[in-house]
Amino acid sequence: MRSTPKPTGTVAFVGAGPGDPELLTLRAAELLSRADVVVTDVAPVAELSRLLRDDATIVELSSDDGGGARSTSERVKAVTDPAKAGKSVVRLLAGDPFFDADGADEVAACAKAKLQFEIVPGIPLASGVPSYAGIAVFDAKHRDVRVADASGTVDWESVATTPQPLVLTKVENLGAAAEALVKHGRSAQTAVAATRGGATTEQHTVVSTLATLATDAKAAGLVGPAVLVVGDVVKSRAALSWFETKPLFGWRVLVPRTKEQAGALSEKLRSYGAVPAEVPTIAVEPPRTPQQMERAVRGLVTGRYEWIAFTSVNAVRAVREKFEEYGLDARAFSGIKVAAVGEQTAASLLAFGVKPDLVPSGEQSAAGLLADFPPYDDVLDPINRVFLPRADIATETLVAGLIELGWEVDDVTAYRTVRAAPPPAPTREAIKTGGFDAVVFTSSSTVRNLVGIAGKPHATTVIACIGPQTAKTAEEHGLRVDVLAEEPSVGALADALAAFGLTQRMAAEAAGEWTGKPGRPKSNTRRKAK
């Protein structure tokens, strides 16, 4: 009787790049999405978790006592054991697997064990970090570069006497590295840039000379591991710095909305260099009496309505859940005109398979929807009724406006909004003590609920509001409003905060107080709350 061979798994050695998870290749993202086991010593594991299956196992290769990386044999075992058991393994390595990381021994172990493996290149630290620091290591004068990994034994005489620009990666002791270069022949006045936390919102670069690097780095609070760029190419940073000069670079911004609601706002804030932290202030629950919603959905299927108007992502979700409960899908909207109050609600409908017929061309609000909504025409419209699924606390503006346009409205409570549970203690402490550089309020309810579940933001925290009514509510709660969006949209709110951030940085630079560190320039003066 033949024995059944044991299944063997696969190992993919994936380069994670210099730090920004968005720099992963498409192949890397695909492999991570299919992996049974991810073995990693890359720092931003939490940011990569959105790419992983819910049941994927993450093995972090750091010693239990925090004393450093595991031994070679432990690393090899962590990779090969699950693969031998038939698992799909991704070994995630900083930078590029063969350019930056000590992954060759693990690859050799897989080859020796006759395991199937592949190599997925990543952006090397030596190119990615200088690029994010705005340093062109190649230019018209310099067509060659010398790269050395400083985590092991370095031939200082060789690297110091090279005529090309020099890039040193994984430098722990900045002063010792600069001293060694000078000792072996480099001029003490050679320009050098040290970058810590490259390609992340913690990135911090200090430009100095080999003679003064240790002193300047200590004054700026910059310690290794860092990437050093040595040579005249460092001077290009003055004109080409683009990442650390973003208007909200490194700002911690509190977004009092759920992840689903905060998506567009958080993404826009990230584009300006901010680090958004989403804190739900409301929770969504089904209506206390579901019969009204059930009747409306049945009416939608049987042709009772000419229009259905969605005023929020939560309304889309509530109708979708009811559809799924009844075994329906997007085809049930056939023959019905669909309106969405804004782009985010429209995107939620598209994800459901429904393309809205009407999205406001101007202001994304109930008023904006009414401005574009067609009046009822008894000749052109066979049915005169609109289905309006919405929250229990919604205002009557839209209902009154639709009635004025000649429509009959079935105003249906699709969901209830209740105050969310308080955020974790560290988040509450950060809110009260100034741990957030700014907070963005998108409605009066977000102001009331945040203050109710977590307390008032610290007096030094920048307060940004989406519109006058939200600003009025913030002031009523004793907050001083610093930023007001030009129009009531999340995009305009992010734009306004970015403009404020840029103004603050320029003022700090003019006063000689700009340190270059991530985050909002701190002032010794305390803002007064009302």
Protein backbone atom coordinates (compact mmCIF):
# COMPACT_ATOMS: atom_id res chain seq x y z
CA MET A 1 0.00 0.00 0.00
CA ARG A 2 1.46 3.35 -1.04
CA SER A 3 1.75 6.04 1.57
CA THR A 4 0.30 9.45 0.75
CA PRO A 5 3.07 12.05 0.58
CA LYS A 6 2.81 14.88 3.09
CA PRO A 7 1.84 18.20 1.54
CA THR A 8 4.63 20.77 1.44
CA GLY A 9 4.04 24.45 1.73
CA THR A 10 5.72 27.43 0.11
CA VAL A 11 7.84 30.30 1.35
CA ALA A 12 7.87 33.76 -0.22
CA PHE A 13 10.67 36.09 0.85
CA VAL A 14 9.03 39.50 0.45
CA GLY A 15 10.75 42.88 0.56
CA ALA A 16 8.67 45.32 2.61
CA GLY A 17 10.54 48.38 1.36
CA PRO A 18 11.91 51.21 3.51
CA GLY A 19 8.90 51.72 5.79
CA ASP A 20 5.75 52.91 4.00
CA PRO A 21 3.37 49.92 3.57
CA GLU A 22 2.02 51.57 0.41
CA LEU A 23 5.35 50.83 -1.28
CA LEU A 24 4.74 47.07 -1.31
CA THR A 25 4.59 45.55 -4.78
CA LEU A 26 1.33 44.13 -6.13
CA ARG A 27 2.87 40.65 -5.93
CA ALA A 28 3.78 41.21 -2.28
CA ALA A 29 0.22 42.31 -1.45
CA GLU A 30 -1.22 39.27 -3.24
CA LEU A 31 1.03 36.84 -1.36
CA LEU A 32 0.26 38.49 1.99
CA SER A 33 -3.48 38.19 1.31
CA ARG A 34 -3.11 34.42 0.80
CA ALA A 35 -0.57 33.64 3.52
CA ASP A 36 -1.27 31.18 6.33
CA VAL A 37 1.76 32.41 8.28
CA VAL A 38 3.63 35.74 8.14
CA VAL A 39 7.09 35.74 9.72
CA THR A 40 8.36 39.29 10.19
CA ASP A 41 10.74 41.61 11.95
CA VAL A 42 9.33 44.64 10.12
CA ALA A 43 7.96 47.26 12.50
CA PRO A 44 4.57 48.35 11.03
CA VAL A 45 2.88 44.95 11.38
CA ALA A 46 -0.41 46.55 12.44
CA GLU A 47 -0.54 48.68 9.26
CA LEU A 48 -0.02 45.57 7.13
CA SER A 49 -2.71 43.58 8.93
CA ARG A 50 -5.43 44.96 6.62
CA LEU A 51 -3.84 42.92 3.81
CA LEU A 52 -3.92 39.65 5.77
CA ARG A 53 -6.58 37.00 6.19
CA ASP A 54 -8.36 37.11 9.53
CA ASP A 55 -7.03 33.65 10.42
CA ALA A 56 -3.42 34.31 9.37
CA THR A 57 -0.76 33.69 12.03
CA ILE A 58 1.82 36.45 12.60
CA VAL A 59 5.21 35.47 14.01
CA GLU A 60 7.28 38.48 15.09
CA LEU A 61 11.01 37.82 15.18
CA SER A 62 12.02 39.86 18.18
CA SER A 63 13.44 38.40 21.35
CA ASP A 64 11.02 37.93 24.24
CA ASP A 65 13.13 40.13 26.50
CA GLY A 66 13.47 42.91 23.92
CA GLY A 67 17.18 42.26 23.59
CA GLY A 68 17.32 42.13 19.81
CA ALA A 69 16.72 39.82 16.86
CA ARG A 70 16.56 36.05 17.20
CA SER A 71 19.43 33.78 16.25
CA THR A 72 19.83 32.46 12.71
CA SER A 73 18.67 28.98 13.72
CA GLU A 74 15.52 30.39 15.37
CA ARG A 75 14.73 32.47 12.30
CA VAL A 76 15.22 29.52 9.97
CA LYS A 77 13.02 27.30 12.14
CA ALA A 78 10.24 29.94 12.24
CA VAL A 79 10.19 29.96 8.43
CA THR A 80 10.73 26.31 7.54
CA ASP A 81 8.62 24.52 10.18
CA PRO A 82 5.21 25.84 9.02
CA ALA A 83 6.21 25.35 5.37
CA LYS A 84 7.11 21.71 6.05
CA ALA A 85 3.64 21.35 7.60
CA GLY A 86 2.05 22.46 4.32
CA LYS A 87 1.49 26.12 5.17
CA SER A 88 1.86 29.10 2.86
CA VAL A 89 4.53 31.27 4.51
CA VAL A 90 5.51 34.88 3.80
CA ARG A 91 8.84 35.97 5.26
CA LEU A 92 8.61 39.76 5.41
CA LEU A 93 11.96 41.57 5.35
CA ALA A 94 12.83 45.27 5.53
CA GLY A 95 13.92 46.81 2.25
CA ASP A 96 14.87 44.12 -0.29
CA PRO A 97 15.38 40.44 0.69
CA PHE A 98 18.84 40.17 -0.93
CA PHE A 99 19.93 43.81 -0.85
CA ASP A 100 19.22 44.84 2.76
CA ALA A 101 18.26 41.89 4.87
CA ASP A 102 20.13 38.92 6.29
CA GLY A 103 17.73 36.59 4.51
CA ALA A 104 20.20 34.60 2.42
CA ASP A 105 20.73 32.01 5.15
CA GLU A 106 16.97 31.47 5.45
CA VAL A 107 16.66 31.11 1.67
CA ALA A 108 19.53 28.61 1.69
CA ALA A 109 17.79 26.61 4.43
CA CYS A 110 14.61 26.44 2.32
CA ALA A 111 16.61 25.27 -0.71
CA LYS A 112 18.36 22.62 1.40
CA ALA A 113 14.99 21.41 2.73
CA LYS A 114 13.69 21.21 -0.86
CA LEU A 115 10.92 23.68 -0.05
CA GLN A 116 9.35 25.69 -2.85
CA PHE A 117 10.27 29.36 -2.46
CA GLU A 118 10.29 32.66 -4.34
CA ILE A 119 11.89 36.06 -3.90
CA VAL A 120 9.79 39.23 -4.19
CA PRO A 121 12.05 42.29 -4.41
CA GLY A 122 11.31 45.44 -2.44
CA ILE A 123 12.63 49.00 -2.55
CA PRO A 124 16.07 48.92 -0.87
CA LEU A 125 16.71 51.16 2.13
CA ALA A 126 19.68 52.73 0.31
CA SER A 127 17.43 54.16 -2.40
CA GLY A 128 14.05 54.48 -0.66
CA VAL A 129 15.12 56.40 2.44
CA PRO A 130 17.21 59.06 0.61
CA SER A 131 14.34 59.51 -1.87
CA TYR A 132 11.91 60.16 0.99
CA ALA A 133 14.46 62.54 2.51
CA GLY A 134 14.64 64.47 -0.78
CA ILE A 135 18.24 63.53 -1.53
CA ALA A 136 19.15 62.66 -5.12
CA VAL A 137 22.05 60.22 -4.69
CA PHE A 138 22.35 60.11 -8.50
CA ASP A 139 22.52 63.37 -10.42
CA ALA A 140 24.28 64.86 -13.46
CA LYS A 141 27.63 64.93 -11.62
CA HIS A 142 27.33 61.64 -9.77
CA ARG A 143 26.51 58.53 -11.80
CA ASP A 144 27.77 56.04 -9.23
CA VAL A 145 27.16 55.43 -5.53
CA ARG A 146 28.76 53.28 -2.83
CA VAL A 147 26.41 51.42 -0.47
CA ALA A 148 27.42 49.67 2.75
CA ASP A 149 25.47 47.89 5.48
CA ALA A 150 26.74 49.18 8.84
CA SER A 151 25.03 46.51 10.94
CA GLY A 152 28.01 44.16 10.52
CA THR A 153 31.72 44.53 9.96
CA VAL A 154 32.52 47.62 7.86
CA ASP A 155 35.73 48.18 5.91
CA TRP A 156 35.93 51.83 6.95
CA GLU A 157 39.09 52.53 4.98
CA SER A 158 37.47 51.32 1.77
CA VAL A 159 34.19 53.22 2.19
CA ALA A 160 35.90 56.39 3.47
CA THR A 161 38.22 56.69 0.47
CA THR A 162 35.60 55.97 -2.21
CA PRO A 163 35.11 59.00 -4.50
CA GLN A 164 31.41 58.31 -5.00
CA PRO A 165 28.57 59.46 -2.74
CA LEU A 166 28.24 57.04 0.16
CA VAL A 167 25.06 55.53 1.63
CA LEU A 168 25.38 53.67 4.94
CA THR A 169 22.33 51.71 6.12
CA LYS A 170 21.47 50.47 9.62
CA VAL A 171 23.87 52.84 11.40
CA GLU A 172 23.36 52.52 15.17
CA ASN A 173 26.06 54.87 16.50
CA LEU A 174 26.06 58.01 14.34
CA GLY A 175 29.00 59.66 16.06
CA ALA A 176 31.17 56.56 15.83
CA ALA A 177 30.40 56.16 12.10
CA ALA A 178 31.28 59.80 11.38
CA GLU A 179 34.48 59.53 13.42
CA ALA A 180 35.53 56.36 11.57
CA LEU A 181 35.03 58.02 8.18
CA VAL A 182 37.13 61.03 9.19
CA LYS A 183 39.81 58.81 10.72
CA HIS A 184 40.16 56.88 7.44
CA GLY A 185 40.40 59.86 5.12
CA ARG A 186 37.09 61.68 4.63
CA SER A 187 37.18 65.43 5.23
CA ALA A 188 35.56 66.43 8.51
CA GLN A 189 33.64 69.09 6.58
CA THR A 190 31.97 66.54 4.29
CA ALA A 191 28.20 67.02 4.18
CA VAL A 192 26.13 64.23 5.74
CA ALA A 193 22.42 63.57 6.28
CA ALA A 194 21.12 61.13 8.88
CA THR A 195 17.54 59.86 8.50
CA ARG A 196 15.70 57.89 11.16
CA GLY A 197 12.31 56.20 10.56
CA GLY A 198 12.63 56.52 6.79
CA ALA A 199 9.45 56.51 4.68
CA THR A 200 7.18 56.66 7.74
CA THR A 201 5.46 59.57 9.47
CA GLU A 202 8.15 59.27 12.17
CA GLN A 203 10.85 60.17 9.63
CA HIS A 204 13.36 62.73 10.89
CA THR A 205 16.42 63.96 9.00
CA VAL A 206 19.37 65.93 10.34
CA VAL A 207 21.77 67.57 7.87
CA SER A 208 25.24 68.23 9.22
CA THR A 209 28.93 67.56 8.56
CA LEU A 210 31.00 64.60 9.69
CA ALA A 211 32.66 66.86 12.28
CA THR A 212 29.39 67.96 13.91
CA LEU A 213 27.01 65.05 13.22
CA ALA A 214 27.20 63.58 16.72
CA THR A 215 26.46 66.95 18.36
CA ASP A 216 23.71 67.94 15.92
CA ALA A 217 21.98 64.55 16.07
CA LYS A 218 22.02 64.60 19.88
CA ALA A 219 20.57 68.12 19.96
CA ALA A 220 17.78 67.03 17.60
CA GLY A 221 17.09 63.85 19.58
CA LEU A 222 17.94 61.65 16.59
CA VAL A 223 19.47 58.26 17.39
CA GLY A 224 20.14 55.13 15.33
CA PRO A 225 19.37 52.98 13.53
CA ALA A 226 19.56 55.49 10.70
CA VAL A 227 20.55 55.79 7.05
CA LEU A 228 23.50 58.09 6.39
CA VAL A 229 24.11 59.81 3.06
CA VAL A 230 27.63 61.22 2.81
CA GLY A 231 28.82 63.64 0.13
CA ASP A 232 27.82 66.73 -1.84
CA VAL A 233 24.57 65.08 -2.98
CA VAL A 234 23.18 65.90 0.48
CA LYS A 235 22.87 69.53 -0.67
CA SER A 236 20.03 68.56 -3.02
CA ARG A 237 17.74 68.17 0.00
CA ALA A 238 17.41 71.94 0.38
CA ALA A 239 15.43 72.09 -2.87
CA LEU A 240 14.00 68.57 -3.14
CA SER A 241 12.67 67.79 0.36
CA TRP A 242 9.04 66.76 -0.18
CA PHE A 243 7.97 64.29 2.50
CA GLU A 244 8.97 65.94 5.77
CA THR A 245 7.74 69.29 4.40
CA LYS A 246 4.13 68.16 3.98
CA PRO A 247 1.89 70.63 5.83
CA LEU A 248 0.69 68.14 8.44
CA PHE A 249 3.75 65.89 8.50
CA GLY A 250 3.68 63.72 11.62
CA TRP A 251 0.65 65.48 13.11
CA ARG A 252 -1.49 63.15 15.23
CA VAL A 253 -5.04 64.04 14.24
CA LEU A 254 -8.05 62.72 16.12
CA VAL A 255 -10.95 61.79 13.82
CA PRO A 256 -14.10 61.22 15.90
CA ARG A 257 -15.81 58.89 13.41
CA THR A 258 -15.95 55.15 12.84
CA LYS A 259 -13.44 53.61 10.41
CA GLU A 260 -16.20 53.17 7.82
CA GLN A 261 -17.25 56.82 8.05
CA ALA A 262 -13.73 58.23 8.40
CA GLY A 263 -12.23 56.57 5.32
CA ALA A 264 -12.21 59.54 2.93
CA LEU A 265 -11.25 62.08 5.60
CA SER A 266 -8.43 59.94 7.01
CA GLU A 267 -7.07 59.27 3.53
CA LYS A 268 -7.01 63.00 2.72
CA LEU A 269 -5.26 63.74 6.02
CA ARG A 270 -2.64 61.07 5.25
CA SER A 271 -1.99 62.71 1.88
CA TYR A 272 -0.92 65.80 3.85
CA GLY A 273 1.40 63.70 6.04
CA ALA A 274 -0.85 63.37 9.10
CA VAL A 275 -1.35 60.30 11.28
CA PRO A 276 -5.14 60.00 11.75
CA ALA A 277 -6.51 58.18 14.78
CA GLU A 278 -10.16 57.18 14.37
CA VAL A 279 -12.28 57.16 17.52
CA PRO A 280 -15.96 56.18 17.15
CA THR A 281 -18.26 58.58 18.96
CA ILE A 282 -21.51 56.93 17.89
CA ALA A 283 -22.64 53.36 17.52
CA VAL A 284 -25.27 52.27 15.02
CA GLU A 285 -28.09 49.97 16.12
CA PRO A 286 -31.24 48.63 14.39
CA PRO A 287 -34.50 50.58 14.88
CA ARG A 288 -36.53 49.61 17.94
CA THR A 289 -39.51 48.76 15.72
CA PRO A 290 -38.30 47.14 12.46
CA GLN A 291 -41.77 46.79 10.90
CA GLN A 292 -41.69 50.23 9.22
CA MET A 293 -38.37 49.40 7.53
CA GLU A 294 -39.63 45.96 6.46
CA ARG A 295 -42.75 47.49 4.85
CA ALA A 296 -40.66 50.06 3.01
CA VAL A 297 -38.29 47.42 1.57
CA ARG A 298 -41.25 45.35 0.40
CA GLY A 299 -42.70 48.50 -1.19
CA LEU A 300 -39.40 49.17 -2.93
CA VAL A 301 -39.52 45.70 -4.53
CA THR A 302 -43.18 45.97 -5.53
CA GLY A 303 -42.86 49.36 -7.25
CA ARG A 304 -44.19 51.72 -4.59
CA TYR A 305 -41.41 54.29 -5.07
CA GLU A 306 -40.04 56.47 -7.86
CA TRP A 307 -36.94 57.43 -5.85
CA ILE A 308 -34.88 56.21 -2.91
CA ALA A 309 -32.63 58.85 -1.33
CA PHE A 310 -29.64 57.81 0.80
CA THR A 311 -28.28 60.42 3.21
CA SER A 312 -25.44 58.38 4.74
CA VAL A 313 -23.28 55.30 4.44
CA ASN A 314 -25.14 53.88 7.44
CA ALA A 315 -28.44 54.17 5.55
CA VAL A 316 -26.94 52.20 2.65
CA ARG A 317 -25.70 49.57 5.07
CA ALA A 318 -29.10 49.30 6.79
CA VAL A 319 -30.94 48.74 3.48
CA ARG A 320 -28.29 46.33 2.27
CA GLU A 321 -28.54 44.26 5.45
CA LYS A 322 -32.32 44.11 5.09
CA PHE A 323 -31.91 43.05 1.45
CA GLU A 324 -29.56 40.25 2.46
CA GLU A 325 -32.01 39.17 5.15
CA TYR A 326 -34.67 38.77 2.44
CA GLY A 327 -32.32 37.17 -0.10
CA LEU A 328 -32.35 40.25 -2.35
CA ASP A 329 -29.48 41.97 -4.14
CA ALA A 330 -28.83 45.14 -6.16
CA ARG A 331 -31.15 43.96 -8.94
CA ALA A 332 -34.09 44.92 -6.73
CA PHE A 333 -33.27 48.58 -7.49
CA SER A 334 -34.16 48.05 -11.16
CA GLY A 335 -36.55 50.77 -12.34
CA ILE A 336 -36.00 52.93 -9.23
CA LYS A 337 -34.04 56.18 -9.29
CA VAL A 338 -31.35 56.40 -6.62
CA ALA A 339 -29.98 59.56 -4.99
CA ALA A 340 -26.90 59.83 -2.73
CA VAL A 341 -26.13 62.82 -0.52
CA GLY A 342 -22.41 62.79 -1.33
CA GLU A 343 -19.43 60.99 -2.80
CA GLN A 344 -18.82 58.72 0.19
CA THR A 345 -22.43 57.53 0.20
CA ALA A 346 -22.24 57.08 -3.57
CA ALA A 347 -19.09 54.96 -3.17
CA SER A 348 -20.92 52.76 -0.66
CA LEU A 349 -23.75 52.28 -3.16
CA LEU A 350 -21.30 51.40 -5.95
CA ALA A 351 -19.74 48.77 -3.66
CA PHE A 352 -23.27 47.33 -3.34
CA GLY A 353 -23.58 47.26 -7.14
CA VAL A 354 -25.86 50.29 -7.43
CA LYS A 355 -24.91 53.36 -9.49
CA PRO A 356 -26.72 56.43 -8.14
CA ASP A 357 -28.66 58.57 -10.59
CA LEU A 358 -28.17 61.75 -8.58
CA VAL A 359 -25.27 63.04 -6.48
CA PRO A 360 -25.18 66.76 -5.56
CA SER A 361 -23.10 68.80 -7.98
CA GLY A 362 -22.34 71.35 -5.27
CA GLU A 363 -22.53 71.09 -1.51
CA GLN A 364 -22.60 67.50 -0.25
CA SER A 365 -25.44 67.85 2.23
CA ALA A 366 -29.21 67.62 2.46
CA ALA A 367 -29.41 71.18 1.14
CA GLY A 368 -27.12 70.30 -1.76
CA LEU A 369 -29.23 67.24 -2.59
CA LEU A 370 -32.41 69.32 -2.55
CA ALA A 371 -30.83 71.90 -4.86
CA ASP A 372 -30.41 69.24 -7.57
CA PHE A 373 -33.46 67.07 -6.82
CA PRO A 374 -36.09 67.30 -9.59
CA PRO A 375 -39.60 68.44 -8.71
CA TYR A 376 -42.44 65.95 -9.09
CA ASP A 377 -43.97 66.04 -12.59
CA ASP A 378 -47.34 64.29 -12.88
CA VAL A 379 -46.72 63.71 -16.60
CA LEU A 380 -43.15 62.39 -16.49
CA ASP A 381 -43.22 60.65 -13.12
CA PRO A 382 -45.50 57.63 -12.91
CA ILE A 383 -45.10 57.45 -9.12
CA ASN A 384 -44.97 60.38 -6.72
CA ARG A 385 -43.31 58.75 -3.70
CA VAL A 386 -39.75 58.84 -2.28
CA PHE A 387 -38.33 56.29 0.15
CA LEU A 388 -36.02 58.06 2.64
CA PRO A 389 -34.15 55.62 4.95
CA ARG A 390 -32.29 57.58 7.61
CA ALA A 391 -31.18 57.89 11.23
CA ASP A 392 -33.57 58.39 14.12
CA ILE A 393 -31.99 61.78 14.93
CA ALA A 394 -31.93 63.20 11.39
CA THR A 395 -33.28 66.70 10.82
CA GLU A 396 -36.47 67.41 8.88
CA THR A 397 -34.77 69.61 6.26
CA LEU A 398 -34.76 67.01 3.49
CA VAL A 399 -38.28 65.77 4.17
CA ALA A 400 -39.71 69.30 4.11
CA GLY A 401 -37.78 70.16 0.95
CA LEU A 402 -38.96 67.05 -0.93
CA ILE A 403 -42.58 67.74 0.04
CA GLU A 404 -42.19 71.30 -1.20
CA LEU A 405 -40.99 69.85 -4.52
CA GLY A 406 -44.28 67.94 -4.76
CA TRP A 407 -43.14 64.50 -3.58
CA GLU A 408 -44.75 62.30 -0.97
CA VAL A 409 -42.10 60.97 1.40
CA ASP A 410 -41.93 57.73 3.36
CA ASP A 411 -39.58 58.96 6.09
CA VAL A 412 -38.33 55.70 7.61
CA THR A 413 -36.02 55.15 10.59
CA ALA A 414 -33.49 52.70 9.15
CA TYR A 415 -31.10 52.78 12.10
CA ARG A 416 -30.56 54.39 15.48
CA THR A 417 -27.46 56.26 16.55
CA VAL A 418 -26.36 55.93 20.15
CA ARG A 419 -23.32 57.23 21.97
CA ALA A 420 -20.35 54.90 21.59
CA ALA A 421 -18.44 53.37 24.48
CA PRO A 422 -15.50 55.44 25.79
CA PRO A 423 -12.20 54.90 23.94
CA PRO A 424 -9.33 53.07 25.69
CA ALA A 425 -7.69 54.82 28.65
CA PRO A 426 -4.49 55.79 26.75
CA THR A 427 -6.59 57.51 24.07
CA ARG A 428 -8.65 59.40 26.67
CA GLU A 429 -5.44 60.48 28.38
CA ALA A 430 -3.95 61.68 25.08
CA ILE A 431 -7.11 63.69 24.32
CA LYS A 432 -7.02 65.45 27.68
CA THR A 433 -3.26 66.06 27.88
CA GLY A 434 -2.49 67.29 24.37
CA GLY A 435 -1.32 64.01 22.91
CA PHE A 436 -3.16 64.90 19.70
CA ASP A 437 -2.02 67.82 17.60
CA ALA A 438 -5.51 68.41 16.20
CA VAL A 439 -9.08 67.11 16.23
CA VAL A 440 -11.44 67.36 13.26
CA PHE A 441 -15.17 67.65 13.97
CA THR A 442 -17.54 66.76 11.13
CA SER A 443 -20.83 67.45 12.91
CA SER A 444 -22.27 68.85 16.12
CA SER A 445 -22.97 65.32 17.34
CA THR A 446 -19.28 64.40 17.06
CA VAL A 447 -18.46 67.34 19.35
CA ARG A 448 -21.08 66.44 21.93
CA ASN A 449 -20.32 62.74 21.89
CA LEU A 450 -16.52 63.06 22.03
CA VAL A 451 -16.72 65.41 25.01
CA GLY A 452 -19.26 63.06 26.59
CA ILE A 453 -17.22 59.86 26.27
CA ALA A 454 -13.65 61.18 26.53
CA GLY A 455 -13.67 64.74 27.87
CA LYS A 456 -12.62 68.02 26.25
CA PRO A 457 -9.49 68.11 24.05
CA HIS A 458 -6.52 69.86 25.65
CA ALA A 459 -6.31 73.64 25.27
CA THR A 460 -3.26 73.34 22.97
CA THR A 461 -5.00 70.97 20.54
CA VAL A 462 -6.01 72.57 17.25
CA ILE A 463 -9.80 72.41 16.77
CA ALA A 464 -11.03 72.11 13.17
CA CYS A 465 -14.75 72.17 12.27
CA ILE A 466 -16.60 71.34 9.06
CA GLY A 467 -19.08 74.21 9.26
CA PRO A 468 -20.51 77.10 11.31
CA GLN A 469 -23.05 75.01 13.21
CA THR A 470 -20.39 72.50 14.26
CA ALA A 471 -18.11 75.38 15.27
CA LYS A 472 -20.91 76.91 17.35
CA THR A 473 -21.41 73.61 19.18
CA ALA A 474 -17.67 73.34 19.83
CA GLU A 475 -17.60 76.84 21.30
CA GLU A 476 -20.63 76.04 23.46
CA HIS A 477 -18.56 73.18 24.91
CA GLY A 478 -15.71 75.54 25.80
CA LEU A 479 -13.49 74.87 22.80
CA ARG A 480 -11.69 77.53 20.77
CA VAL A 481 -12.14 76.87 17.06
CA ASP A 482 -8.94 77.41 15.06
CA VAL A 483 -9.95 76.08 11.64
CA LEU A 484 -13.23 76.31 9.73
CA ALA A 485 -13.72 74.60 6.36
CA GLU A 486 -14.64 76.86 3.45
CA GLU A 487 -17.44 74.47 2.52
CA PRO A 488 -19.09 71.63 4.48
CA SER A 489 -17.17 68.65 3.08
CA VAL A 490 -14.51 66.39 4.56
CA GLY A 491 -12.13 67.29 1.73
CA ALA A 492 -12.44 70.99 2.44
CA LEU A 493 -11.97 70.31 6.16
CA ALA A 494 -8.68 68.48 5.53
CA ASP A 495 -7.56 71.23 3.13
CA ALA A 496 -8.27 73.92 5.72
CA LEU A 497 -6.33 72.09 8.44
CA ALA A 498 -3.40 71.60 6.02
CA ALA A 499 -3.35 75.32 5.22
CA PHE A 500 -3.34 76.09 8.95
CA GLY A 501 -0.50 73.62 9.51
CA LEU A 502 1.59 75.17 6.75
CA THR A 503 1.07 78.63 8.23
CA GLN A 504 2.16 77.40 11.65
CA ARG A 505 5.33 75.81 10.29
CA MET A 506 6.27 78.90 8.28
CA ALA A 507 5.83 81.02 11.41
CA ALA A 508 8.02 78.63 13.41
CA GLU A 509 10.68 78.73 10.71
CA ALA A 510 10.63 82.53 10.63
CA ALA A 511 11.02 82.63 14.42
CA GLY A 512 13.88 80.12 14.34
CA GLU A 513 11.80 77.63 16.37
CA TRP A 514 11.35 74.96 13.68
CA THR A 515 13.08 71.73 14.79
CA GLY A 516 12.17 69.61 11.76
CA LYS A 517 10.68 66.94 14.01
CA PRO A 518 7.39 65.27 12.98
CA GLY A 519 4.29 66.86 14.46
CA ARG A 520 2.91 70.32 15.07
CA PRO A 521 5.36 73.08 16.02
CA LYS A 522 4.92 73.48 19.76
CA SER A 523 4.57 76.92 21.28
CA ASN A 524 5.23 77.93 24.86
CA THR A 525 1.99 79.90 24.90
CA ARG A 526 -1.16 78.11 25.98
CA ARG A 527 -4.33 78.67 24.01
CA LYS A 528 -7.22 79.91 26.08
CA ALA A 529 -10.43 77.93 25.93
CA LYS A 530 -13.67 79.83 26.10
